[in-house]
Amino acid sequence: MELHNQIKKYRTELNLSQEELAEKVYVTRQTISNWENNKNYPDIRSLLLLSALFQVSLDQLIKGDIHIMREEINKNELQRFNRDGAVFSVLLLLSVVSTVPLSVFLGYYGLLIAAIPFAAALYFAIRLEKYKKNHDIQTYKEIIAFTEGKRLDELEKAQEYGKRLYQKAFLALASGLIALVICGVCVWLLRGFIF
């Protein structure tokens, strides 16, 4: 919600007219009307008075209803993120499983064929990274919360932010080990077929 909607919402909850609210925060009724119609923005003194009068934090007054904001994740984007994640997983698995058999039976042509699902998997990986960057999600917990259509509160977000460096280092190490194992298995299989 925007501030003009918040002011009107809290004013009506207190059963105050625009004129009564204006008297309590030392402005004119026209000023209240301008705020509620989003024609101008209250100064900091007025914001503090409104916050005290409405008995809400300044942060909540400015940001709006926290529950509504948490539910504002675009449903279409969430569905695309989940769909792209599934497509990426299938393509990556297909490229890993098909590379060795195709290269053994078709040689270089098999490698070219195996490169097609790998290239498509890279495309979807880039799309997923853009989603993650746009929504500032990096850690496993943040990604799971996002795929469920939720957001972490500020404390959880701060804790996850602290974990990002360690998780990136672990991810790089794990990726390197997996690549080493896959390359070792491929070399072992290819040596068995060549000799």
Protein backbone atom coordinates (compact mmCIF):
# COMPACT_ATOMS: atom_id res chain seq x y z
CA MET A 1 0.00 0.00 0.00
CA GLU A 2 1.05 3.55 -0.54
CA LEU A 3 1.06 6.24 2.11
CA HIS A 4 -2.07 8.02 0.87
CA ASN A 5 -4.07 4.81 1.25
CA GLN A 6 -2.58 4.22 4.70
CA ILE A 7 -3.58 7.67 5.95
CA LYS A 8 -7.13 7.23 4.73
CA LYS A 9 -7.34 3.70 6.15
CA TYR A 10 -6.17 4.66 9.63
CA ARG A 11 -8.28 7.84 9.64
CA THR A 12 -11.44 5.88 8.87
CA GLU A 13 -10.55 3.23 11.46
CA LEU A 14 -10.47 5.98 14.09
CA ASN A 15 -13.75 7.41 12.71
CA LEU A 16 -12.14 10.79 12.11
CA SER A 17 -13.17 13.21 9.41
CA GLN A 18 -10.50 14.90 7.36
CA GLU A 19 -11.12 18.10 9.32
CA GLU A 20 -10.76 16.34 12.69
CA LEU A 21 -7.51 14.71 11.59
CA ALA A 22 -6.26 18.04 10.31
CA GLU A 23 -6.82 19.61 13.74
CA LYS A 24 -4.92 16.82 15.49
CA VAL A 25 -1.83 17.10 13.27
CA TYR A 26 -1.97 20.90 12.91
CA VAL A 27 -2.63 21.16 9.19
CA THR A 28 -5.61 22.20 7.06
CA ARG A 29 -8.37 19.88 5.87
CA GLN A 30 -7.21 20.56 2.30
CA THR A 31 -3.75 19.25 3.23
CA ILE A 32 -5.28 15.99 4.49
CA SER A 33 -7.28 15.75 1.28
CA ASN A 34 -4.12 16.29 -0.77
CA TRP A 35 -2.32 13.56 1.18
CA GLU A 36 -5.17 11.09 0.72
CA ASN A 37 -5.44 11.89 -2.99
CA ASN A 38 -1.70 11.45 -3.41
CA LYS A 39 -1.21 15.06 -4.54
CA ASN A 40 1.58 15.71 -2.06
CA TYR A 41 3.50 14.00 0.72
CA PRO A 42 3.49 14.87 4.45
CA ASP A 43 6.65 16.33 5.95
CA ILE A 44 8.54 14.41 8.63
CA ARG A 45 6.86 16.29 11.50
CA SER A 46 3.44 15.39 10.15
CA LEU A 47 4.48 11.79 9.62
CA LEU A 48 5.59 11.55 13.24
CA LEU A 49 2.30 13.06 14.45
CA LEU A 50 0.30 10.69 12.23
CA SER A 51 2.31 7.72 13.48
CA ALA A 52 1.67 8.66 17.11
CA LEU A 53 -2.02 9.39 16.50
CA PHE A 54 -2.63 6.14 14.61
CA GLN A 55 -0.51 4.22 17.16
CA VAL A 56 1.58 2.52 14.49
CA SER A 57 5.29 2.67 13.85
CA LEU A 58 6.54 5.14 11.31
CA ASP A 59 7.91 2.21 9.33
CA GLN A 60 4.50 0.54 9.22
CA LEU A 61 2.78 3.79 8.28
CA ILE A 62 5.12 4.38 5.38
CA LYS A 63 5.46 0.79 4.19
CA GLY A 64 1.86 -0.22 4.69
CA ASP A 65 0.32 -3.44 5.83
CA ILE A 66 3.11 -5.99 6.23
CA HIS A 67 0.82 -8.95 5.58
CA ILE A 68 -0.41 -7.50 2.31
CA MET A 69 3.14 -6.69 1.25
CA ARG A 70 4.23 -10.28 1.90
CA GLU A 71 1.46 -11.55 -0.34
CA GLU A 72 2.36 -9.18 -3.20
CA ILE A 73 4.73 -11.65 -4.84
CA ASN A 74 3.61 -11.84 -8.41
CA LYS A 75 1.92 -15.22 -8.83
CA ASN A 76 2.82 -15.47 -12.53
CA GLU A 77 6.49 -14.86 -11.81
CA LEU A 78 6.42 -17.47 -9.04
CA GLN A 79 4.91 -20.02 -11.42
CA ARG A 80 7.52 -19.19 -14.07
CA PHE A 81 10.30 -19.58 -11.51
CA ASN A 82 9.00 -23.01 -10.47
CA ARG A 83 8.45 -24.10 -14.08
CA ASP A 84 11.91 -22.89 -15.17
CA GLY A 85 13.45 -24.70 -12.21
CA ALA A 86 11.78 -27.96 -13.24
CA VAL A 87 12.78 -27.54 -16.90
CA PHE A 88 16.35 -26.75 -15.86
CA SER A 89 16.52 -29.88 -13.69
CA VAL A 90 15.23 -32.15 -16.46
CA LEU A 91 17.55 -30.66 -19.09
CA LEU A 92 20.57 -30.87 -16.82
CA LEU A 93 19.83 -34.49 -15.96
CA LEU A 94 19.28 -35.30 -19.64
CA SER A 95 22.55 -33.70 -20.65
CA VAL A 96 24.52 -35.50 -17.92
CA VAL A 97 22.96 -38.89 -18.67
CA SER A 98 23.13 -38.65 -22.47
CA THR A 99 26.66 -37.26 -22.97
CA VAL A 100 28.66 -40.47 -22.53
CA PRO A 101 26.36 -42.83 -24.50
CA LEU A 102 25.97 -40.36 -27.35
CA SER A 103 29.70 -39.67 -27.54
CA VAL A 104 30.55 -43.38 -27.44
CA PHE A 105 28.09 -44.41 -30.14
CA LEU A 106 28.14 -41.31 -32.37
CA GLY A 107 31.55 -39.78 -31.63
CA TYR A 108 31.81 -36.04 -32.14
CA TYR A 109 28.31 -35.89 -33.57
CA GLY A 110 27.03 -37.36 -30.32
CA LEU A 111 28.81 -34.64 -28.38
CA LEU A 112 27.15 -32.03 -30.57
CA ILE A 113 23.76 -33.62 -29.95
CA ALA A 114 24.45 -33.77 -26.19
CA ALA A 115 25.39 -30.08 -26.25
CA ILE A 116 21.83 -29.11 -27.23
CA PRO A 117 20.13 -30.00 -23.90
CA PHE A 118 23.20 -28.64 -22.08
CA ALA A 119 22.88 -25.27 -23.85
CA ALA A 120 19.15 -25.19 -23.09
CA ALA A 121 19.91 -25.99 -19.43
CA LEU A 122 22.37 -23.08 -19.34
CA TYR A 123 19.70 -20.77 -20.75
CA PHE A 124 17.25 -21.77 -18.01
CA ALA A 125 19.99 -21.50 -15.38
CA ILE A 126 20.57 -17.89 -16.44
CA ARG A 127 16.84 -17.18 -16.23
CA LEU A 128 16.72 -18.66 -12.72
CA GLU A 129 19.67 -16.52 -11.65
CA LYS A 130 17.85 -13.42 -12.92
CA TYR A 131 14.80 -14.35 -10.83
CA LYS A 132 17.02 -14.83 -7.80
CA LYS A 133 18.74 -11.50 -8.35
CA ASN A 134 15.48 -9.60 -8.92
CA HIS A 135 13.96 -10.98 -5.73
CA ASP A 136 17.19 -10.96 -3.69
CA ILE A 137 17.09 -14.65 -2.90
CA GLN A 138 20.29 -16.65 -2.66
CA THR A 139 20.23 -19.15 0.19
CA TYR A 140 18.31 -22.41 0.23
CA LYS A 141 15.89 -21.12 2.87
CA GLU A 142 15.17 -17.97 0.85
CA ILE A 143 14.60 -19.97 -2.32
CA ILE A 144 12.25 -22.41 -0.58
CA ALA A 145 10.28 -19.54 0.97
CA PHE A 146 10.03 -17.87 -2.45
CA THR A 147 8.83 -21.03 -4.20
CA GLU A 148 6.10 -21.30 -1.56
CA GLY A 149 5.05 -17.70 -2.21
CA LYS A 150 6.34 -16.40 1.13
CA ARG A 151 8.90 -13.88 2.29
CA LEU A 152 11.28 -14.08 5.21
CA ASP A 153 10.90 -11.48 7.95
CA GLU A 154 13.72 -8.99 8.55
CA LEU A 155 15.50 -11.08 11.22
CA GLU A 156 15.44 -14.26 9.13
CA LYS A 157 16.57 -12.26 6.09
CA ALA A 158 19.54 -10.87 8.05
CA GLN A 159 20.49 -14.38 9.23
CA GLU A 160 20.31 -15.75 5.70
CA TYR A 161 22.32 -12.82 4.37
CA GLY A 162 25.11 -13.77 6.78
CA LYS A 163 25.09 -17.35 5.44
CA ARG A 164 25.41 -16.38 1.79
CA LEU A 165 29.21 -16.16 1.73
CA TYR A 166 29.61 -19.60 3.30
CA GLN A 167 26.97 -21.16 1.08
CA LYS A 168 28.58 -19.74 -2.06
CA ALA A 169 31.96 -21.15 -1.05
CA PHE A 170 30.40 -24.54 -0.27
CA LEU A 171 28.48 -24.49 -3.56
CA ALA A 172 31.66 -23.75 -5.53
CA LEU A 173 33.55 -26.54 -3.76
CA ALA A 174 30.69 -29.03 -4.20
CA SER A 175 30.32 -28.12 -7.89
CA GLY A 176 34.03 -28.64 -8.44
CA LEU A 177 33.93 -32.05 -6.75
CA ILE A 178 30.90 -33.15 -8.73
CA ALA A 179 32.55 -32.03 -11.99
CA LEU A 180 35.72 -33.91 -11.02
CA VAL A 181 33.76 -37.10 -10.32
CA ILE A 182 31.78 -36.84 -13.56
CA CYS A 183 34.94 -36.22 -15.59
CA GLY A 184 36.66 -39.14 -13.87
CA VAL A 185 33.75 -41.47 -14.63
CA CYS A 186 33.63 -40.29 -18.26
CA VAL A 187 37.38 -40.85 -18.71
CA TRP A 188 37.14 -44.27 -17.09
CA LEU A 189 34.22 -45.25 -19.35
CA LEU A 190 35.86 -43.89 -22.47
CA ARG A 191 39.16 -45.70 -21.70
CA GLY A 192 37.20 -48.92 -21.35
CA PHE A 193 35.61 -48.47 -24.80
CA ILE A 194 38.71 -47.18 -26.59
CA PHE A 195 41.15 -49.85 -25.41
